[in-house]
Amino acid sequence: MKYDRELDIRGDVCPFTFVKSKLVLEQMEKGEILRVIVDYRPSAENVPKSMREEGQEVLAVNQIGSSEWEIIVRKVK
């Protein structure tokens, strides 16, 4: 899958992971795809949940390492 932007926020914890993801999405155009990389398990659950609540489309949440996840989001709004 091709991503328009990638945000590596390993080392950050909630709620900063969602806030930083949201700020990047606000700079993107509708339809563009953001890949967010986190290494904090609650973020792998909370960021997608919050993105959906904001009206964004979460395409995938994948574990990519022993303690790393990628969250793929398409900007809708």
C-alpha atoms as a PDB file:
ATOM      1  CA  MET A   1       0.000   0.000   0.000  1.00  0.00           C
ATOM      2  CA  LYS A   2       1.231   3.484  -0.851  1.00  0.00           C
ATOM      3  CA  TYR A   3       1.189   6.114   1.891  1.00  0.00           C
ATOM      4  CA  ASP A   4       1.126   9.860   1.362  1.00  0.00           C
ATOM      5  CA  ARG A   5       2.668  10.579   4.759  1.00  0.00           C
ATOM      6  CA  GLU A   6       4.292   8.571   7.511  1.00  0.00           C
ATOM      7  CA  LEU A   7       4.439   9.543  11.169  1.00  0.00           C
ATOM      8  CA  ASP A   8       6.837   7.618  13.413  1.00  0.00           C
ATOM      9  CA  ILE A   9       5.879   8.400  16.997  1.00  0.00           C
ATOM     10  CA  ARG A  10       7.555   5.510  18.759  1.00  0.00           C
ATOM     11  CA  GLY A  11       8.366   6.578  22.278  1.00  0.00           C
ATOM     12  CA  ASP A  12       5.234   8.722  22.646  1.00  0.00           C
ATOM     13  CA  VAL A  13       2.232   7.737  24.766  1.00  0.00           C
ATOM     14  CA  CYS A  14      -1.474   8.601  24.816  1.00  0.00           C
ATOM     15  CA  PRO A  15      -2.918  11.153  24.394  1.00  0.00           C
ATOM     16  CA  PHE A  16       0.061  12.609  22.519  1.00  0.00           C
ATOM     17  CA  THR A  17      -0.016   9.860  19.886  1.00  0.00           C
ATOM     18  CA  PHE A  18      -3.550  10.801  18.842  1.00  0.00           C
ATOM     19  CA  VAL A  19      -2.906  14.541  19.028  1.00  0.00           C
ATOM     20  CA  LYS A  20       0.192  14.296  16.822  1.00  0.00           C
ATOM     21  CA  SER A  21      -1.619  12.021  14.352  1.00  0.00           C
ATOM     22  CA  LYS A  22      -4.568  14.411  14.164  1.00  0.00           C
ATOM     23  CA  LEU A  23      -2.288  17.402  13.545  1.00  0.00           C
ATOM     24  CA  VAL A  24      -0.619  15.660  10.609  1.00  0.00           C
ATOM     25  CA  LEU A  25      -3.996  14.637   9.150  1.00  0.00           C
ATOM     26  CA  GLU A  26      -5.167  18.254   9.323  1.00  0.00           C
ATOM     27  CA  GLN A  27      -2.327  19.182   6.932  1.00  0.00           C
ATOM     28  CA  MET A  28      -3.299  16.478   4.436  1.00  0.00           C
ATOM     29  CA  GLU A  29      -5.829  16.475   1.601  1.00  0.00           C
ATOM     30  CA  LYS A  30      -9.010  14.383   1.619  1.00  0.00           C
ATOM     31  CA  GLY A  31      -8.342  10.886   0.348  1.00  0.00           C
ATOM     32  CA  GLU A  32      -4.676  10.876   1.329  1.00  0.00           C
ATOM     33  CA  ILE A  33      -3.334   8.044   3.469  1.00  0.00           C
ATOM     34  CA  LEU A  34      -1.316   8.393   6.663  1.00  0.00           C
ATOM     35  CA  ARG A  35       0.762   5.599   8.188  1.00  0.00           C
ATOM     36  CA  VAL A  36       1.340   6.035  11.924  1.00  0.00           C
ATOM     37  CA  ILE A  37       3.904   3.877  13.741  1.00  0.00           C
ATOM     38  CA  VAL A  38       3.540   3.469  17.509  1.00  0.00           C
ATOM     39  CA  ASP A  39       5.191   1.298  20.143  1.00  0.00           C
ATOM     40  CA  TYR A  40       2.746   1.820  22.993  1.00  0.00           C
ATOM     41  CA  ARG A  41       0.005  -0.835  23.064  1.00  0.00           C
ATOM     42  CA  PRO A  42      -2.779   1.497  24.306  1.00  0.00           C
ATOM     43  CA  SER A  43      -2.023   3.812  21.356  1.00  0.00           C
ATOM     44  CA  ALA A  44      -2.555   0.938  18.931  1.00  0.00           C
ATOM     45  CA  GLU A  45      -6.087   0.708  20.322  1.00  0.00           C
ATOM     46  CA  ASN A  46      -6.869   4.336  21.190  1.00  0.00           C
ATOM     47  CA  VAL A  47      -5.572   6.102  18.070  1.00  0.00           C
ATOM     48  CA  PRO A  48      -7.769   4.082  15.657  1.00  0.00           C
ATOM     49  CA  LYS A  49     -10.768   4.461  17.967  1.00  0.00           C
ATOM     50  CA  SER A  50     -10.290   8.232  18.186  1.00  0.00           C
ATOM     51  CA  MET A  51      -9.714   8.517  14.428  1.00  0.00           C
ATOM     52  CA  ARG A  52     -13.006   6.747  13.754  1.00  0.00           C
ATOM     53  CA  GLU A  53     -14.770   9.049  16.230  1.00  0.00           C
ATOM     54  CA  GLU A  54     -13.320  12.013  14.304  1.00  0.00           C
ATOM     55  CA  GLY A  55     -14.851  10.622  11.103  1.00  0.00           C
ATOM     56  CA  GLN A  56     -11.641   9.305   9.524  1.00  0.00           C
ATOM     57  CA  GLU A  57     -11.353   5.902   7.850  1.00  0.00           C
ATOM     58  CA  VAL A  58      -9.035   3.447   9.571  1.00  0.00           C
ATOM     59  CA  LEU A  59      -7.866   1.057   6.872  1.00  0.00           C
ATOM     60  CA  ALA A  60      -5.710  -1.213   9.044  1.00  0.00           C
ATOM     61  CA  VAL A  61      -3.978  -1.739  12.352  1.00  0.00           C
ATOM     62  CA  ASN A  62      -1.108  -4.201  12.049  1.00  0.00           C
ATOM     63  CA  GLN A  63       1.458  -5.417  14.528  1.00  0.00           C
ATOM     64  CA  ILE A  64       4.804  -4.985  12.757  1.00  0.00           C
ATOM     65  CA  GLY A  65       7.167  -5.965  15.569  1.00  0.00           C
ATOM     66  CA  SER A  66       7.130  -7.430  19.034  1.00  0.00           C
ATOM     67  CA  SER A  67       5.909  -4.112  20.411  1.00  0.00           C
ATOM     68  CA  GLU A  68       5.270  -1.966  17.330  1.00  0.00           C
ATOM     69  CA  TRP A  69       2.108  -1.305  15.348  1.00  0.00           C
ATOM     70  CA  GLU A  70       1.207   0.555  12.184  1.00  0.00           C
ATOM     71  CA  ILE A  71      -2.080   2.379  11.923  1.00  0.00           C
ATOM     72  CA  ILE A  72      -3.215   3.206   8.388  1.00  0.00           C
ATOM     73  CA  VAL A  73      -5.733   6.049   8.109  1.00  0.00           C
ATOM     74  CA  ARG A  74      -7.417   7.649   5.087  1.00  0.00           C
ATOM     75  CA  LYS A  75      -8.422  11.252   5.560  1.00  0.00           C
ATOM     76  CA  VAL A  76     -12.154  11.618   4.996  1.00  0.00           C
ATOM     77  CA  LYS A  77     -12.888  14.973   6.611  1.00  0.00           C
END
